[in-house]
Amino acid sequence: MLPRNYYSEQDIRKRQIDTLKIFNDNVIELSEGNEYRIDFAADSRNMSLNVVLTPEFPNEKPAIFVNPVVPHPWIAENSNQVIGAPGLLNFTVHSDLGRVVQAIIREFQKTVPNISQEDKSTDTSPQSHVSAQSLMFPELSELTIEELQEILENPDLQDKLLENNPQLVELDLETEELMNSVEEIAQDNITKQQMLDNLKTDVIDRISTIVQMKMNYEELHKKHQKMAEVYDPHRIRDCLKEAALRADEDAEVIAEQFLMGNLPVESFIAKFAEKRALGQARRAREERLAHQLTQLDKATT
């Protein structure tokens, strides 16, 4: 049986209905997705099962009714509802609706002939009463009172009787199938848990990488801002203007030192000419850059 971990409730419900049609013939849809009738024959007797699916199905077991009503341990008292079938008693979302209904039909096909014969019989012997009350163990009807008494007193014979009962064997098979399904699903969950753990570790590593990249980005962004401020054309223009003023001021200081007799003519001429040339060069660059910025502002407005 396939795991249903990733199926929606609607998918599981549809799959259950599909198994009903796969494992049984003559399935008639009375109400789409809600009620179905399965016709079958039991010893030339025409019978049918009505399968009613509640809105909670398959989380809730189906309601199954037999027509016509026949005496059987699986049927509720004063009702035609089947309640004692092993597949119904152990029904879960992992069961197969089609197999459960198939098992119920087979049970009626096996026991209805016996019931019909018992109804026609006028035998009032203890064996006939035992047969009427022991549909789950039809072989008891063939035993004598002494043999029945021996079974009552011998636990080994009781165990052997239970081991050979077809309904209990079928129940054991369904139980084993269910246990295998549970084990398969558990194993699948373990595998998926390992995959989930690996994915979780991978996500954590990626988050850590993203955090580190964000920190690096913020640091580089701050450096970029500082560099952008340093190399901003307007700031460069202001720096050139300030540098030109400093060069002029330095030239005036040199001239004052010369006038005060603190510098010889040769030193004065060399230093004064150097500062004046430096100031003029910076002022020329500043004016050229200011002109370019003015043209740029006009072009972008």
C-alpha atoms as a PDB file:
ATOM      1  CA  MET A   1       0.000   0.000   0.000  1.00  0.00           C
ATOM      2  CA  LEU A   2       1.403   3.353  -0.964  1.00  0.00           C
ATOM      3  CA  PRO A   3       2.076   6.039   1.664  1.00  0.00           C
ATOM      4  CA  ARG A   4      -0.408   8.895   1.607  1.00  0.00           C
ATOM      5  CA  ASN A   5       1.737  11.515   3.344  1.00  0.00           C
ATOM      6  CA  TYR A   6       1.497  14.035   0.560  1.00  0.00           C
ATOM      7  CA  TYR A   7      -2.078  13.346  -0.616  1.00  0.00           C
ATOM      8  CA  SER A   8      -4.870  15.789   0.145  1.00  0.00           C
ATOM      9  CA  GLU A   9      -8.043  14.629   1.900  1.00  0.00           C
ATOM     10  CA  GLN A  10      -9.889  14.859  -1.427  1.00  0.00           C
ATOM     11  CA  ASP A  11      -7.214  12.759  -3.180  1.00  0.00           C
ATOM     12  CA  ILE A  12      -7.436  10.028  -0.512  1.00  0.00           C
ATOM     13  CA  ARG A  13     -11.247  10.026  -0.661  1.00  0.00           C
ATOM     14  CA  LYS A  14     -11.161   9.637  -4.475  1.00  0.00           C
ATOM     15  CA  ARG A  15      -8.604   6.852  -4.234  1.00  0.00           C
ATOM     16  CA  GLN A  16     -10.802   4.985  -1.742  1.00  0.00           C
ATOM     17  CA  ILE A  17     -13.770   5.247  -4.135  1.00  0.00           C
ATOM     18  CA  ASP A  18     -11.530   4.038  -6.978  1.00  0.00           C
ATOM     19  CA  THR A  19     -10.639   0.895  -4.976  1.00  0.00           C
ATOM     20  CA  LEU A  20     -14.363   0.243  -4.517  1.00  0.00           C
ATOM     21  CA  LYS A  21     -14.744   0.087  -8.300  1.00  0.00           C
ATOM     22  CA  ILE A  22     -11.501  -1.854  -8.832  1.00  0.00           C
ATOM     23  CA  PHE A  23     -12.187  -4.733  -6.412  1.00  0.00           C
ATOM     24  CA  ASN A  24     -15.930  -5.081  -7.003  1.00  0.00           C
ATOM     25  CA  ASP A  25     -18.259  -5.573  -9.972  1.00  0.00           C
ATOM     26  CA  ASN A  26     -21.645  -3.953 -10.534  1.00  0.00           C
ATOM     27  CA  VAL A  27     -20.833  -0.743  -8.614  1.00  0.00           C
ATOM     28  CA  ILE A  28     -23.626   1.795  -9.139  1.00  0.00           C
ATOM     29  CA  GLU A  29     -23.167   5.430  -8.121  1.00  0.00           C
ATOM     30  CA  LEU A  30     -26.351   6.624  -6.380  1.00  0.00           C
ATOM     31  CA  SER A  31     -24.904   9.963  -5.257  1.00  0.00           C
ATOM     32  CA  GLU A  32     -21.595  11.186  -6.648  1.00  0.00           C
ATOM     33  CA  GLY A  33     -18.838  10.716  -4.109  1.00  0.00           C
ATOM     34  CA  ASN A  34     -21.340   9.877  -1.332  1.00  0.00           C
ATOM     35  CA  GLU A  35     -23.409   6.708  -1.903  1.00  0.00           C
ATOM     36  CA  TYR A  36     -22.878   3.553  -3.938  1.00  0.00           C
ATOM     37  CA  ARG A  37     -24.721   0.246  -4.453  1.00  0.00           C
ATOM     38  CA  ILE A  38     -23.008  -3.047  -5.247  1.00  0.00           C
ATOM     39  CA  ASP A  39     -25.225  -5.855  -6.549  1.00  0.00           C
ATOM     40  CA  PHE A  40     -24.143  -9.476  -6.064  1.00  0.00           C
ATOM     41  CA  ALA A  41     -25.583 -12.980  -5.978  1.00  0.00           C
ATOM     42  CA  ALA A  42     -25.440 -15.398  -3.048  1.00  0.00           C
ATOM     43  CA  ASP A  43     -26.636 -18.940  -3.863  1.00  0.00           C
ATOM     44  CA  SER A  44     -28.935 -17.618  -6.626  1.00  0.00           C
ATOM     45  CA  ARG A  45     -30.281 -14.969  -4.259  1.00  0.00           C
ATOM     46  CA  ASN A  46     -29.973 -11.368  -5.493  1.00  0.00           C
ATOM     47  CA  MET A  47     -28.474  -9.145  -2.820  1.00  0.00           C
ATOM     48  CA  SER A  48     -26.863  -5.724  -2.632  1.00  0.00           C
ATOM     49  CA  LEU A  49     -24.736  -3.562  -0.373  1.00  0.00           C
ATOM     50  CA  ASN A  50     -25.325   0.165   0.031  1.00  0.00           C
ATOM     51  CA  VAL A  51     -22.136   2.048   0.882  1.00  0.00           C
ATOM     52  CA  VAL A  52     -22.669   5.503   2.399  1.00  0.00           C
ATOM     53  CA  LEU A  53     -19.655   7.830   2.744  1.00  0.00           C
ATOM     54  CA  THR A  54     -19.950  10.664   5.265  1.00  0.00           C
ATOM     55  CA  PRO A  55     -18.222  14.044   4.701  1.00  0.00           C
ATOM     56  CA  GLU A  56     -15.540  12.911   7.188  1.00  0.00           C
ATOM     57  CA  PHE A  57     -14.715   9.760   5.188  1.00  0.00           C
ATOM     58  CA  PRO A  58     -12.032   8.271   5.029  1.00  0.00           C
ATOM     59  CA  ASN A  59     -11.116   9.550   8.504  1.00  0.00           C
ATOM     60  CA  GLU A  60     -14.497   8.096   9.534  1.00  0.00           C
ATOM     61  CA  LYS A  61     -15.465   4.550   8.561  1.00  0.00           C
ATOM     62  CA  PRO A  62     -18.180   4.074   5.898  1.00  0.00           C
ATOM     63  CA  ALA A  63     -21.740   2.985   6.707  1.00  0.00           C
ATOM     64  CA  ILE A  64     -22.657  -0.251   4.883  1.00  0.00           C
ATOM     65  CA  PHE A  65     -26.175  -1.720   4.622  1.00  0.00           C
ATOM     66  CA  VAL A  66     -27.221  -5.125   3.227  1.00  0.00           C
ATOM     67  CA  ASN A  67     -30.424  -5.856   1.302  1.00  0.00           C
ATOM     68  CA  PRO A  68     -32.385  -7.992   1.855  1.00  0.00           C
ATOM     69  CA  VAL A  69     -31.877  -8.409   5.567  1.00  0.00           C
ATOM     70  CA  VAL A  70     -30.418 -11.807   6.550  1.00  0.00           C
ATOM     71  CA  PRO A  71     -29.475 -13.118   9.994  1.00  0.00           C
ATOM     72  CA  HIS A  72     -25.753 -12.750  10.473  1.00  0.00           C
ATOM     73  CA  PRO A  73     -23.434 -11.905  13.406  1.00  0.00           C
ATOM     74  CA  TRP A  74     -21.997  -8.967  11.451  1.00  0.00           C
ATOM     75  CA  ILE A  75     -25.403  -7.240  11.131  1.00  0.00           C
ATOM     76  CA  ALA A  76     -26.713  -4.926  13.874  1.00  0.00           C
ATOM     77  CA  GLU A  77     -29.755  -6.117  15.782  1.00  0.00           C
ATOM     78  CA  ASN A  78     -33.083  -4.978  14.272  1.00  0.00           C
ATOM     79  CA  SER A  79     -31.190  -3.320  11.424  1.00  0.00           C
ATOM     80  CA  ASN A  80     -29.657  -4.064   8.056  1.00  0.00           C
ATOM     81  CA  GLN A  81     -26.407  -2.221   8.820  1.00  0.00           C
ATOM     82  CA  VAL A  82     -23.195  -4.228   8.691  1.00  0.00           C
ATOM     83  CA  ILE A  83     -21.141  -3.393  11.787  1.00  0.00           C
ATOM     84  CA  GLY A  84     -19.182  -6.530  12.725  1.00  0.00           C
ATOM     85  CA  ALA A  85     -17.001  -7.050   9.657  1.00  0.00           C
ATOM     86  CA  PRO A  86     -13.307  -7.107  10.663  1.00  0.00           C
ATOM     87  CA  GLY A  87     -12.438  -4.666   7.889  1.00  0.00           C
ATOM     88  CA  LEU A  88     -14.978  -2.177   9.286  1.00  0.00           C
ATOM     89  CA  LEU A  89     -13.942  -2.693  12.897  1.00  0.00           C
ATOM     90  CA  ASN A  90     -10.308  -1.998  11.978  1.00  0.00           C
ATOM     91  CA  PHE A  91     -10.995   0.618   9.301  1.00  0.00           C
ATOM     92  CA  THR A  92      -8.488   3.475   9.070  1.00  0.00           C
ATOM     93  CA  VAL A  93      -7.566   6.068   6.470  1.00  0.00           C
ATOM     94  CA  HIS A  94      -4.966   3.557   5.222  1.00  0.00           C
ATOM     95  CA  SER A  95      -7.523   0.781   4.580  1.00  0.00           C
ATOM     96  CA  ASP A  96      -8.874  -0.026   1.108  1.00  0.00           C
ATOM     97  CA  LEU A  97     -12.646   0.494   0.904  1.00  0.00           C
ATOM     98  CA  GLY A  98     -12.832  -1.847  -2.088  1.00  0.00           C
ATOM     99  CA  ARG A  99     -11.184  -4.732  -0.202  1.00  0.00           C
ATOM    100  CA  VAL A 100     -13.400  -4.210   2.860  1.00  0.00           C
ATOM    101  CA  VAL A 101     -16.574  -4.373   0.734  1.00  0.00           C
ATOM    102  CA  GLN A 102     -15.202  -7.330  -1.222  1.00  0.00           C
ATOM    103  CA  ALA A 103     -14.595  -9.256   2.030  1.00  0.00           C
ATOM    104  CA  ILE A 104     -18.160  -8.529   3.208  1.00  0.00           C
ATOM    105  CA  ILE A 105     -19.650  -9.746  -0.096  1.00  0.00           C
ATOM    106  CA  ARG A 106     -17.596 -12.950   0.038  1.00  0.00           C
ATOM    107  CA  GLU A 107     -18.749 -13.574   3.605  1.00  0.00           C
ATOM    108  CA  PHE A 108     -22.416 -13.283   2.644  1.00  0.00           C
ATOM    109  CA  GLN A 109     -21.847 -15.457  -0.420  1.00  0.00           C
ATOM    110  CA  LYS A 110     -20.383 -18.152   1.830  1.00  0.00           C
ATOM    111  CA  THR A 111     -22.923 -17.972   4.664  1.00  0.00           C
ATOM    112  CA  VAL A 112     -26.223 -17.083   2.980  1.00  0.00           C
ATOM    113  CA  PRO A 113     -26.581 -20.610   1.477  1.00  0.00           C
ATOM    114  CA  ASN A 114     -26.141 -22.060   4.972  1.00  0.00           C
ATOM    115  CA  ILE A 115     -28.684 -19.620   6.327  1.00  0.00           C
ATOM    116  CA  SER A 116     -31.183 -20.548   3.617  1.00  0.00           C
ATOM    117  CA  GLN A 117     -30.779 -24.236   4.339  1.00  0.00           C
ATOM    118  CA  GLU A 118     -31.186 -23.680   8.060  1.00  0.00           C
ATOM    119  CA  ASP A 119     -34.372 -21.667   7.484  1.00  0.00           C
ATOM    120  CA  LYS A 120     -35.857 -24.557   5.509  1.00  0.00           C
ATOM    121  CA  SER A 121     -34.811 -27.177   8.059  1.00  0.00           C
ATOM    122  CA  THR A 122     -37.292 -28.423  10.637  1.00  0.00           C
ATOM    123  CA  ASP A 123     -34.608 -30.147  12.664  1.00  0.00           C
ATOM    124  CA  THR A 124     -34.854 -29.146  16.313  1.00  0.00           C
ATOM    125  CA  SER A 125     -31.794 -31.054  17.462  1.00  0.00           C
ATOM    126  CA  PRO A 126     -29.097 -29.276  19.493  1.00  0.00           C
ATOM    127  CA  GLN A 127     -26.851 -29.407  16.414  1.00  0.00           C
ATOM    128  CA  SER A 128     -29.294 -27.272  14.421  1.00  0.00           C
ATOM    129  CA  HIS A 129     -29.406 -24.640  17.169  1.00  0.00           C
ATOM    130  CA  VAL A 130     -25.649 -24.587  17.339  1.00  0.00           C
ATOM    131  CA  SER A 131     -25.522 -24.094  13.537  1.00  0.00           C
ATOM    132  CA  ALA A 132     -27.972 -21.208  13.653  1.00  0.00           C
ATOM    133  CA  GLN A 133     -26.010 -19.470  16.383  1.00  0.00           C
ATOM    134  CA  SER A 134     -22.544 -20.269  15.024  1.00  0.00           C
ATOM    135  CA  LEU A 135     -22.374 -18.756  11.563  1.00  0.00           C
ATOM    136  CA  MET A 136     -18.784 -17.765  12.127  1.00  0.00           C
ATOM    137  CA  PHE A 137     -17.973 -21.461  12.749  1.00  0.00           C
ATOM    138  CA  PRO A 138     -20.182 -23.454  10.345  1.00  0.00           C
ATOM    139  CA  GLU A 139     -18.110 -26.587  10.944  1.00  0.00           C
ATOM    140  CA  LEU A 140     -19.592 -26.806  14.461  1.00  0.00           C
ATOM    141  CA  SER A 141     -22.944 -27.845  12.972  1.00  0.00           C
ATOM    142  CA  GLU A 142     -21.394 -31.137  11.896  1.00  0.00           C
ATOM    143  CA  LEU A 143     -20.182 -32.078  15.377  1.00  0.00           C
ATOM    144  CA  THR A 144     -21.961 -34.139  18.005  1.00  0.00           C
ATOM    145  CA  ILE A 145     -22.793 -32.920  21.502  1.00  0.00           C
ATOM    146  CA  GLU A 146     -19.848 -34.926  22.862  1.00  0.00           C
ATOM    147  CA  GLU A 147     -17.449 -33.360  20.361  1.00  0.00           C
ATOM    148  CA  LEU A 148     -18.731 -29.867  21.161  1.00  0.00           C
ATOM    149  CA  GLN A 149     -18.338 -30.539  24.871  1.00  0.00           C
ATOM    150  CA  GLU A 150     -14.792 -31.740  24.263  1.00  0.00           C
ATOM    151  CA  ILE A 151     -13.990 -28.474  22.452  1.00  0.00           C
ATOM    152  CA  LEU A 152     -15.422 -26.470  25.356  1.00  0.00           C
ATOM    153  CA  GLU A 153     -13.155 -28.314  27.781  1.00  0.00           C
ATOM    154  CA  ASN A 154      -9.994 -28.399  25.621  1.00  0.00           C
ATOM    155  CA  PRO A 155      -8.168 -25.046  25.031  1.00  0.00           C
ATOM    156  CA  ASP A 156      -5.945 -26.669  22.362  1.00  0.00           C
ATOM    157  CA  LEU A 157      -8.987 -27.626  20.296  1.00  0.00           C
ATOM    158  CA  GLN A 158     -10.364 -24.115  20.733  1.00  0.00           C
ATOM    159  CA  ASP A 159      -7.093 -22.633  19.467  1.00  0.00           C
ATOM    160  CA  LYS A 160      -7.087 -24.984  16.478  1.00  0.00           C
ATOM    161  CA  LEU A 161     -10.681 -24.004  15.693  1.00  0.00           C
ATOM    162  CA  LEU A 162      -9.766 -20.312  15.782  1.00  0.00           C
ATOM    163  CA  GLU A 163      -6.651 -20.831  13.666  1.00  0.00           C
ATOM    164  CA  ASN A 164      -8.654 -22.535  10.900  1.00  0.00           C
ATOM    165  CA  ASN A 165     -11.510 -20.013  10.836  1.00  0.00           C
ATOM    166  CA  PRO A 166     -11.483 -18.247   7.422  1.00  0.00           C
ATOM    167  CA  GLN A 167     -12.770 -14.957   8.843  1.00  0.00           C
ATOM    168  CA  LEU A 168     -10.069 -14.845  11.502  1.00  0.00           C
ATOM    169  CA  VAL A 169      -7.442 -15.830   8.927  1.00  0.00           C
ATOM    170  CA  GLU A 170      -8.660 -12.972   6.732  1.00  0.00           C
ATOM    171  CA  LEU A 171      -8.563 -10.643   9.732  1.00  0.00           C
ATOM    172  CA  ASP A 172      -4.980 -11.736  10.446  1.00  0.00           C
ATOM    173  CA  LEU A 173      -4.053 -11.067   6.817  1.00  0.00           C
ATOM    174  CA  GLU A 174      -5.644  -7.606   6.939  1.00  0.00           C
ATOM    175  CA  THR A 175      -3.876  -6.898  10.232  1.00  0.00           C
ATOM    176  CA  GLU A 176      -0.545  -8.030   8.795  1.00  0.00           C
ATOM    177  CA  GLU A 177      -1.132  -5.900   5.699  1.00  0.00           C
ATOM    178  CA  LEU A 178      -1.943  -2.919   7.894  1.00  0.00           C
ATOM    179  CA  MET A 179       1.173  -3.484  10.014  1.00  0.00           C
ATOM    180  CA  ASN A 180       3.318  -3.744   6.866  1.00  0.00           C
ATOM    181  CA  SER A 181       1.758  -0.528   5.616  1.00  0.00           C
ATOM    182  CA  VAL A 182       2.451   1.231   8.917  1.00  0.00           C
ATOM    183  CA  GLU A 183       6.032  -0.043   8.909  1.00  0.00           C
ATOM    184  CA  GLU A 184       6.491   1.093   5.298  1.00  0.00           C
ATOM    185  CA  ILE A 185       5.102   4.534   6.109  1.00  0.00           C
ATOM    186  CA  ALA A 186       7.281   4.767   9.234  1.00  0.00           C
ATOM    187  CA  GLN A 187      10.369   3.828   7.199  1.00  0.00           C
ATOM    188  CA  ASP A 188       9.417   6.378   4.570  1.00  0.00           C
ATOM    189  CA  ASN A 189       8.986   9.009   7.298  1.00  0.00           C
ATOM    190  CA  ILE A 190      12.443   8.191   8.673  1.00  0.00           C
ATOM    191  CA  THR A 191      13.936   8.670   5.205  1.00  0.00           C
ATOM    192  CA  LYS A 192      12.083  11.939   4.714  1.00  0.00           C
ATOM    193  CA  GLN A 193      13.150  13.082   8.202  1.00  0.00           C
ATOM    194  CA  GLN A 194      16.800  12.677   7.187  1.00  0.00           C
ATOM    195  CA  MET A 195      16.089  14.627   3.988  1.00  0.00           C
ATOM    196  CA  LEU A 196      14.339  17.296   6.062  1.00  0.00           C
ATOM    197  CA  ASP A 197      17.296  17.532   8.452  1.00  0.00           C
ATOM    198  CA  ASN A 198      19.686  17.901   5.510  1.00  0.00           C
ATOM    199  CA  LEU A 199      17.525  20.613   3.965  1.00  0.00           C
ATOM    200  CA  LYS A 200      17.297  22.385   7.330  1.00  0.00           C
ATOM    201  CA  THR A 201      21.097  22.346   7.667  1.00  0.00           C
ATOM    202  CA  ASP A 202      21.451  23.643   4.108  1.00  0.00           C
ATOM    203  CA  VAL A 203      18.981  26.479   4.800  1.00  0.00           C
ATOM    204  CA  ILE A 204      20.848  27.447   7.982  1.00  0.00           C
ATOM    205  CA  ASP A 205      24.163  27.501   6.067  1.00  0.00           C
ATOM    206  CA  ARG A 206      22.634  29.661   3.348  1.00  0.00           C
ATOM    207  CA  ILE A 207      21.158  32.054   5.891  1.00  0.00           C
ATOM    208  CA  SER A 208      24.585  32.343   7.541  1.00  0.00           C
ATOM    209  CA  THR A 209      26.157  33.048   4.129  1.00  0.00           C
ATOM    210  CA  ILE A 210      23.528  35.693   3.352  1.00  0.00           C
ATOM    211  CA  VAL A 211      24.078  37.383   6.729  1.00  0.00           C
ATOM    212  CA  GLN A 212      27.848  37.478   6.121  1.00  0.00           C
ATOM    213  CA  MET A 213      27.310  38.846   2.601  1.00  0.00           C
ATOM    214  CA  LYS A 214      24.981  41.522   3.967  1.00  0.00           C
ATOM    215  CA  MET A 215      27.562  42.565   6.560  1.00  0.00           C
ATOM    216  CA  ASN A 216      30.235  42.749   3.837  1.00  0.00           C
ATOM    217  CA  TYR A 217      27.878  44.740   1.640  1.00  0.00           C
ATOM    218  CA  GLU A 218      27.147  47.255   4.407  1.00  0.00           C
ATOM    219  CA  GLU A 219      30.874  47.674   5.104  1.00  0.00           C
ATOM    220  CA  LEU A 220      31.639  48.182   1.404  1.00  0.00           C
ATOM    221  CA  HIS A 221      28.690  50.554   1.110  1.00  0.00           C
ATOM    222  CA  LYS A 222      30.105  52.717   3.899  1.00  0.00           C
ATOM    223  CA  LYS A 223      33.502  52.747   2.166  1.00  0.00           C
ATOM    224  CA  HIS A 224      31.819  53.655  -1.085  1.00  0.00           C
ATOM    225  CA  GLN A 225      29.997  56.528   0.571  1.00  0.00           C
ATOM    226  CA  LYS A 226      33.237  57.856   2.010  1.00  0.00           C
ATOM    227  CA  MET A 227      35.040  57.521  -1.339  1.00  0.00           C
ATOM    228  CA  ALA A 228      32.098  59.132  -3.110  1.00  0.00           C
ATOM    229  CA  GLU A 229      32.315  62.080  -0.738  1.00  0.00           C
ATOM    230  CA  VAL A 230      36.082  62.359  -1.226  1.00  0.00           C
ATOM    231  CA  TYR A 231      35.880  62.251  -5.035  1.00  0.00           C
ATOM    232  CA  ASP A 232      32.691  64.226  -5.413  1.00  0.00           C
ATOM    233  CA  PRO A 233      33.333  66.862  -8.177  1.00  0.00           C
ATOM    234  CA  HIS A 234      31.842  69.653  -6.079  1.00  0.00           C
ATOM    235  CA  ARG A 235      34.069  68.720  -3.136  1.00  0.00           C
ATOM    236  CA  ILE A 236      37.115  68.581  -5.443  1.00  0.00           C
ATOM    237  CA  ARG A 237      36.205  72.053  -6.744  1.00  0.00           C
ATOM    238  CA  ASP A 238      35.970  73.374  -3.166  1.00  0.00           C
ATOM    239  CA  CYS A 239      39.300  71.755  -2.281  1.00  0.00           C
ATOM    240  CA  LEU A 240      40.994  73.325  -5.324  1.00  0.00           C
ATOM    241  CA  LYS A 241      39.574  76.695  -4.363  1.00  0.00           C
ATOM    242  CA  GLU A 242      40.837  76.342  -0.783  1.00  0.00           C
ATOM    243  CA  ALA A 243      44.244  75.102  -2.004  1.00  0.00           C
ATOM    244  CA  ALA A 244      44.549  78.083  -4.366  1.00  0.00           C
ATOM    245  CA  LEU A 245      43.786  80.463  -1.484  1.00  0.00           C
ATOM    246  CA  ARG A 246      46.402  78.756   0.715  1.00  0.00           C
ATOM    247  CA  ALA A 247      49.002  79.084  -2.050  1.00  0.00           C
ATOM    248  CA  ASP A 248      48.209  82.818  -2.355  1.00  0.00           C
ATOM    249  CA  GLU A 249      48.440  83.221   1.407  1.00  0.00           C
ATOM    250  CA  ASP A 250      51.785  81.399   1.427  1.00  0.00           C
ATOM    251  CA  ALA A 251      53.038  83.735  -1.335  1.00  0.00           C
ATOM    252  CA  GLU A 252      52.003  86.802   0.731  1.00  0.00           C
ATOM    253  CA  VAL A 253      53.834  85.439   3.781  1.00  0.00           C
ATOM    254  CA  ILE A 254      56.969  84.972   1.671  1.00  0.00           C
ATOM    255  CA  ALA A 255      56.634  88.549   0.349  1.00  0.00           C
ATOM    256  CA  GLU A 256      56.303  89.925   3.922  1.00  0.00           C
ATOM    257  CA  GLN A 257      59.385  87.983   5.034  1.00  0.00           C
ATOM    258  CA  PHE A 258      61.295  89.437   2.080  1.00  0.00           C
ATOM    259  CA  LEU A 259      60.164  92.980   2.844  1.00  0.00           C
ATOM    260  CA  MET A 260      61.230  92.511   6.431  1.00  0.00           C
ATOM    261  CA  GLY A 261      64.666  91.433   5.223  1.00  0.00           C
ATOM    262  CA  ASN A 262      64.340  87.885   6.387  1.00  0.00           C
ATOM    263  CA  LEU A 263      64.836  86.343   2.901  1.00  0.00           C
ATOM    264  CA  PRO A 264      67.535  86.964   0.333  1.00  0.00           C
ATOM    265  CA  VAL A 265      66.485  87.966  -3.168  1.00  0.00           C
ATOM    266  CA  GLU A 266      67.257  84.618  -4.779  1.00  0.00           C
ATOM    267  CA  SER A 267      65.210  82.612  -2.228  1.00  0.00           C
ATOM    268  CA  PHE A 268      62.366  85.120  -2.358  1.00  0.00           C
ATOM    269  CA  ILE A 269      62.119  84.968  -6.155  1.00  0.00           C
ATOM    270  CA  ALA A 270      62.207  81.143  -6.254  1.00  0.00           C
ATOM    271  CA  LYS A 271      59.698  80.560  -3.418  1.00  0.00           C
ATOM    272  CA  PHE A 272      57.344  83.394  -4.350  1.00  0.00           C
ATOM    273  CA  ALA A 273      57.231  82.346  -8.011  1.00  0.00           C
ATOM    274  CA  GLU A 274      56.590  78.728  -6.992  1.00  0.00           C
ATOM    275  CA  LYS A 275      53.628  79.611  -4.713  1.00  0.00           C
ATOM    276  CA  ARG A 276      52.120  82.071  -7.190  1.00  0.00           C
ATOM    277  CA  ALA A 277      52.359  79.514 -10.012  1.00  0.00           C
ATOM    278  CA  LEU A 278      50.837  76.824  -7.786  1.00  0.00           C
ATOM    279  CA  GLY A 279      47.950  79.109  -6.788  1.00  0.00           C
ATOM    280  CA  GLN A 280      47.264  80.104 -10.386  1.00  0.00           C
ATOM    281  CA  ALA A 281      47.325  76.474 -11.552  1.00  0.00           C
ATOM    282  CA  ARG A 282      44.873  75.435  -8.818  1.00  0.00           C
ATOM    283  CA  ARG A 283      42.611  78.388  -9.552  1.00  0.00           C
ATOM    284  CA  ALA A 284      42.606  77.529 -13.243  1.00  0.00           C
ATOM    285  CA  ARG A 285      41.657  73.923 -12.494  1.00  0.00           C
ATOM    286  CA  GLU A 286      38.956  75.058 -10.092  1.00  0.00           C
ATOM    287  CA  GLU A 287      37.461  77.419 -12.663  1.00  0.00           C
ATOM    288  CA  ARG A 288      37.563  74.772 -15.390  1.00  0.00           C
ATOM    289  CA  LEU A 289      35.867  72.193 -13.118  1.00  0.00           C
ATOM    290  CA  ALA A 290      33.258  74.771 -12.015  1.00  0.00           C
ATOM    291  CA  HIS A 291      32.482  75.464 -15.669  1.00  0.00           C
ATOM    292  CA  GLN A 292      32.092  71.728 -16.405  1.00  0.00           C
ATOM    293  CA  LEU A 293      29.792  71.253 -13.409  1.00  0.00           C
ATOM    294  CA  THR A 294      27.642  74.169 -14.515  1.00  0.00           C
ATOM    295  CA  GLN A 295      27.267  72.638 -17.982  1.00  0.00           C
ATOM    296  CA  LEU A 296      26.462  69.241 -16.414  1.00  0.00           C
ATOM    297  CA  ASP A 297      23.756  70.753 -14.188  1.00  0.00           C
ATOM    298  CA  LYS A 298      22.158  72.478 -17.192  1.00  0.00           C
ATOM    299  CA  ALA A 299      22.192  69.212 -19.186  1.00  0.00           C
ATOM    300  CA  THR A 300      20.468  67.248 -16.414  1.00  0.00           C
ATOM    301  CA  THR A 301      17.745  69.809 -15.625  1.00  0.00           C
END
